[in-house]
Amino acid sequence: MTQERPVRSRRVAVTSSPRASVAARARGWAGEPPGCGSDGRGAPMAAHLVRRCCRRLLLPGPPGLPRPPPGAAPGPGRAPPAAAPRPLRTGPPRWAETPQAQPREEGPEQQLRELIQGATDPQELLQLCGGHRLSSNLAGMAIARLARLAHGHPEAPALHGDPRLLRLLDTLDGQISQVWNATLVQVLRALPALGLPRAGRQARSVEQEVLWRLRRLPLRQLVQLAEHLAGHRDSPLLPEVLRKLELRWTELEGTRTVVTLMAKVGHLAPALMERLEDKALELAEQLVPGDPSELCPALSQALELAEQLDVDEIRRMAVALALQQRRCVPLLRALSYHLLQKPPELGLPVLTDLLFAYSKLNFQQPQVLHRLSLELQPHLGALTPAQVSRCARSFAALRWLSRPLAEGIAQYSLDNTQDMSVAHLCAIVVSFARLNFQPSSGEEFFTMLHEQLQGQVQQLDPHVLTDVVWSLCVLQQARPPYLRQVLAPDFHTCLRGDPSPRAHSSWQKLVHINATARLETPGYPGPFLPPEALGGDGDRDKDKAKATPLQQGLREALPGALGGRDLGRYDVHTVFGWDIDAEVVLDGDNKPLPVGDFTAPHLPHSQGAKPLPPGAKRLAFLRWEFPQFSSRGRELLGRGALARRHLRRAGFLLVEVPHYEFLELRLERQRVSYLRDKVAKAVASDMATDTAPDTAPDTAA
């Protein structure tokens, strides 16, 4: 008897508390004897079961499903149904999460929902809601519908103070945990449209509820939230939405969703943008044909995927990458591939936007650029002057010269002179000069240009004016008034004091303009740049430690080709603004002489004092890298053509070393032999030019 009292008292203590009674039931369900937990071995499992049972007992069920009273027994003849195991939940019930699991509304609830969706006027909807007692979910639907009806309505500014709307907000806020996810997201997007402050109680309550449900929101609703919050960067909800999207990027389906996220929020989260690029590339790779044996069974699937990646989505994705300066080469290649599979006639907006994106990202795809230029040419007459100038700049930035299109742009400028502003004409001229393009109607075109520039030169920005005059020098159309304008001391003084990269580029162009005035304009009296201003290092200091393969190979092969390192001068910067890889002096017998013994008027400071002996020649080695050629072939761009003209006018024989010839030679002895052959050809060409006037009469006879 004395041993049962502690047990009886323990049973009384256990049953005196509801939580303890649940623990006792848990021990019974687990198959424990009544005294099993006294030594502590069953305590962890009992505590775990207690937590699960308490949470499951406290969770409400879906509305409309009656819950039996605690002591109710099952009906006669029926065994109690086996309880299916449910996952542990700590938030709103599962029926509030997805539209597929939403409870089916019957009777008045369904009728009210149909009436709310069928309302066509804000006052009609408010009057309908004021006459019925709505649930929190229906109140949210009414608020979202009201925002759509109020968009553009003249009564919209006065709605945020309407007492009926305030009652709807109070109803929503009272049981906000029972609102469906889709409705909650719609309410969050609707509150700013109704004029409610984001710092108000209702808006903060909705934001907080959405924040609690972010982990359980479907991906489609996360995308809607991100698209809405992109215009509210100060919202505390935006970083959390972006973080969830970054974690769930593998769930993204469909190119439209990927394009929307890239365009709206890609610039706000670089890590998310990388995931979106990977997903876009994955979607694009699904459309690439694989093994021909697998093509027929997968034809229907391929056609379905091809419809997903239409031309407009390719355009939007490319523009999104361009605006965020994200040069994802694999993705751009995939987009280019699918663009080439599309039928012709892409449409004018698609053509101009794709051209802008490719030029902004400096992505050169010859087939795409050829198609863009080919399809853009018939539409030139429908473009505005601003669009024509932008297209010209884009093709120039891509180093793509389509002569029919360039001729069309020149003719467009002549036909629409009255509509073309000076800025548009300047952009076209600069583009022509970069591509080294001379229009067939050059005399007419440049006459029109000079007439339009007359009296407008002083109003141009100094950098723009420098670009225009430099372009005219490239196209051999520079006139003395333009040279005087940019070479005047008061003009170039402001550029020399500016340390910005653009000012440095403009100063280099001024040096080239000064060389044009000295070498190619015989009757020009001045002014010129001061000699002390021409002693800069030009482009030599730029990436000096990081030489290109062509530059490094040329440095190694030149001493062997010249017969010794002391016979040449290397990495020469001239007063004309051009860098020479090597300079050598040959006597009348084509033997190299010590270059340091002779005067060098092309240097800022000459080392030698002897004049060149009779018959001696100066040779300049020039390397032509890949960016100095047009993308379509082996034609030098305007900068290289101007350098070639200037150095020839300065008395040099040019030994030109293009990348496509020199880099094909792998052995040093091959490169040395190549350079010697180039020197011999340059000397022979010069001798043939000198003897041409003497032999011409005999040939005619």
Foldseek 3Di string as FASTA:
>chain_A
DVVCVVVVVVVVVQVVDPLSVQLQVQCVVVVHPNCRPPVPPCVVVSVVSSVQVVQVVPADDAPPDDDDDPPDDDDPPDDPDDDDDDDGDDAFDPLQADPVSPDDDDDPLVVLLVVLVPDQALVVLLVSQVVDDDALQSLLSNLLSNLVNLVVPPCLQVQVPDVSNVVSLVRNLVPVRNHHPVSLLSSLLRCVSSVHDCPDPSNVSSLVVCQVCVVRHDPVSLLVNQQSCLVVVVDPSNVVSLVVCLVVVVPDDFLVSLLSCLQRCCLVDVSSVVSSLVVLLVLLVVLDDDDPVCCVVCVVVNVVSLVRCDLVSLLSNLLSCLVNLNCPPSSVVSSVVSVVVDDPDSDDVSLLSNLSSCLSNLPDDPVVVVRSLVNCQVCVVVDALVSLLSSLLSCLSNLADDPSSLLSSLVVCVVPVVRHALVSVLSNLLSCLQNVHQHPPNVVSVVSNVVRCVPVLVVDDLLSLLSSQLSCLLNVNHDLVSLQVCFPPVNLVVLVPDPDPSSVVSVLSLLLSLLCCVQPPVPRPDDHHDLVSLQDLACCVPCVVPDDPVLVLCVVQVQVLLVHPQLKDAQAQFSSRDTFGIKFKAAQVRRTDRPLQEFDNRHSDRRHDHHHPPNMAMETEEEAEPVQARPVDRHGTSVVSSVVVSVVSVGYQYQYHYPVPQVVDDDSVVNSVVSNVSVVVSVVVVVCVVCVVVCVVVVVD
